[in-house]
Amino acid sequence: MRTTLLLAALLPFAASCGSLTYDLTDVPFPVSARPNAERQSEEFELTGKSVLWVHGLAGKDQPDVGAMLREHCNGSLGVSDFRVSLGASFHDWLLTHLSLGFVRMKTVRVTGRKITR
């Protein structure tokens, strides 16, 4: 009985799990997760959508994080304080539940500091 209640309590959290894979090998400048206070930089935030179609059976769409970085930080010396997060906004949650879970949408947020000098 307790096991059933525990599984029922953990089920909503298991349904919200997600993963994101990205490749930064084609980025022509260095990308680091370390903060860099020594150089002049400007903060940026980029967003994209990750969609899982029919529980992954019909595929999934993920934003190209490397292409987003190349496009936004073109001409910079590098990127410091680089972070990528995956989470659901209210609109993502609403679409996921209105589609009965067949379309699972999450927002991908890429943040960092573009080194200018």
Protein backbone atom coordinates (compact mmCIF):
# COMPACT_ATOMS: atom_id res chain seq x y z
CA MET A 1 0.00 0.00 0.00
CA ARG A 2 2.77 2.44 0.94
CA THR A 3 4.72 1.57 -2.20
CA THR A 4 1.72 2.35 -4.38
CA LEU A 5 1.22 5.71 -2.67
CA LEU A 6 4.90 6.54 -3.05
CA LEU A 7 4.88 5.69 -6.76
CA ALA A 8 1.70 7.71 -7.29
CA ALA A 9 3.31 10.69 -5.53
CA LEU A 10 6.50 10.48 -7.63
CA LEU A 11 4.76 9.94 -10.99
CA PRO A 12 4.18 13.67 -11.79
CA PHE A 13 7.86 14.39 -11.21
CA ALA A 14 9.02 11.51 -13.42
CA ALA A 15 6.89 12.77 -16.29
CA SER A 16 8.65 16.14 -16.24
CA CYS A 17 12.18 14.81 -16.75
CA GLY A 18 14.00 15.82 -19.88
CA SER A 19 17.45 15.92 -21.38
CA LEU A 20 19.22 18.09 -23.90
CA THR A 21 22.26 17.26 -25.99
CA TYR A 22 24.31 19.89 -27.79
CA ASP A 23 27.62 20.11 -29.60
CA LEU A 24 30.02 23.06 -29.37
CA THR A 25 32.85 21.68 -31.54
CA ASP A 26 32.04 23.97 -34.49
CA VAL A 27 32.08 27.16 -32.39
CA PRO A 28 35.13 29.19 -33.56
CA PHE A 29 35.84 30.81 -30.17
CA PRO A 30 36.46 29.42 -26.67
CA VAL A 31 33.42 28.71 -24.47
CA SER A 32 33.89 28.38 -20.73
CA ALA A 33 31.57 27.90 -17.76
CA ARG A 34 33.95 29.88 -15.54
CA PRO A 35 33.12 33.51 -14.81
CA ASN A 36 35.72 35.96 -16.14
CA ALA A 37 35.89 39.30 -14.31
CA GLU A 38 39.22 40.30 -15.86
CA ARG A 39 37.89 41.05 -19.35
CA GLN A 40 35.19 43.37 -20.63
CA SER A 41 32.02 41.41 -21.41
CA GLU A 42 28.32 41.78 -21.91
CA GLU A 43 25.62 39.45 -20.66
CA PHE A 44 23.32 37.60 -23.06
CA GLU A 45 20.37 35.21 -22.93
CA LEU A 46 19.14 33.09 -25.85
CA THR A 47 16.02 30.90 -25.88
CA GLY A 48 14.77 28.05 -28.00
CA LYS A 49 12.23 25.22 -27.80
CA SER A 50 12.76 21.51 -27.29
CA VAL A 51 9.84 19.33 -28.45
CA LEU A 52 9.36 15.60 -27.88
CA TRP A 53 6.78 14.16 -30.30
CA VAL A 54 4.62 11.20 -29.19
CA HIS A 55 6.89 10.16 -26.31
CA GLY A 56 9.89 10.22 -28.64
CA LEU A 57 8.49 7.68 -31.10
CA ALA A 58 7.95 10.38 -33.75
CA GLY A 59 11.24 12.08 -32.99
CA LYS A 60 12.31 15.19 -31.13
CA ASP A 61 13.33 18.69 -32.09
CA GLN A 62 16.09 20.46 -30.20
CA PRO A 63 17.65 23.84 -30.84
CA ASP A 64 21.21 23.92 -32.17
CA VAL A 65 23.00 25.57 -29.24
CA GLY A 66 26.28 25.85 -31.18
CA ALA A 67 24.58 27.67 -34.08
CA MET A 68 22.80 29.99 -31.65
CA LEU A 69 26.16 30.89 -30.07
CA ARG A 70 27.89 31.38 -33.43
CA GLU A 71 25.12 33.68 -34.65
CA HIS A 72 24.82 35.80 -31.49
CA CYS A 73 28.48 35.98 -30.47
CA ASN A 74 29.99 36.39 -33.95
CA GLY A 75 33.18 38.46 -33.74
CA SER A 76 33.65 38.09 -29.99
CA LEU A 77 36.78 36.78 -28.29
CA GLY A 78 34.86 34.06 -26.46
CA VAL A 79 32.09 33.24 -24.02
CA SER A 80 32.44 32.96 -20.24
CA ASP A 81 29.94 31.96 -17.53
CA PHE A 82 28.20 29.68 -20.07
CA ARG A 83 25.02 27.92 -18.87
CA VAL A 84 22.29 25.88 -20.59
CA SER A 85 19.05 25.09 -18.78
CA LEU A 86 15.91 23.20 -19.76
CA GLY A 87 12.56 23.97 -18.14
CA ALA A 88 8.88 24.40 -18.82
CA SER A 89 7.07 27.72 -18.84
CA PHE A 90 3.33 27.97 -18.27
CA HIS A 91 2.69 27.90 -22.03
CA ASP A 92 4.88 24.81 -22.42
CA TRP A 93 3.06 23.11 -19.57
CA LEU A 94 -0.35 24.05 -21.00
CA LEU A 95 0.48 22.73 -24.49
CA THR A 96 1.87 19.52 -23.05
CA HIS A 97 -1.26 18.87 -21.03
CA LEU A 98 -3.73 19.93 -23.74
CA SER A 99 -2.09 17.47 -26.14
CA LEU A 100 -2.40 14.74 -23.48
CA GLY A 101 1.38 14.44 -23.34
CA PHE A 102 1.81 13.54 -27.00
CA VAL A 103 3.68 16.82 -27.55
CA ARG A 104 6.08 17.67 -24.72
CA MET A 105 7.50 21.15 -25.03
CA LYS A 106 10.26 22.72 -22.92
CA THR A 107 12.13 26.01 -23.14
CA VAL A 108 15.90 25.93 -23.59
CA ARG A 109 17.69 28.92 -22.08
CA VAL A 110 21.33 29.66 -22.97
CA THR A 111 23.02 32.34 -20.86
CA GLY A 112 26.55 33.66 -20.61
CA ARG A 113 28.81 36.64 -21.03
CA LYS A 114 30.16 37.58 -24.46
CA ILE A 115 33.81 38.69 -24.12
CA THR A 116 34.34 41.81 -26.18
CA ARG A 117 37.89 42.80 -25.14
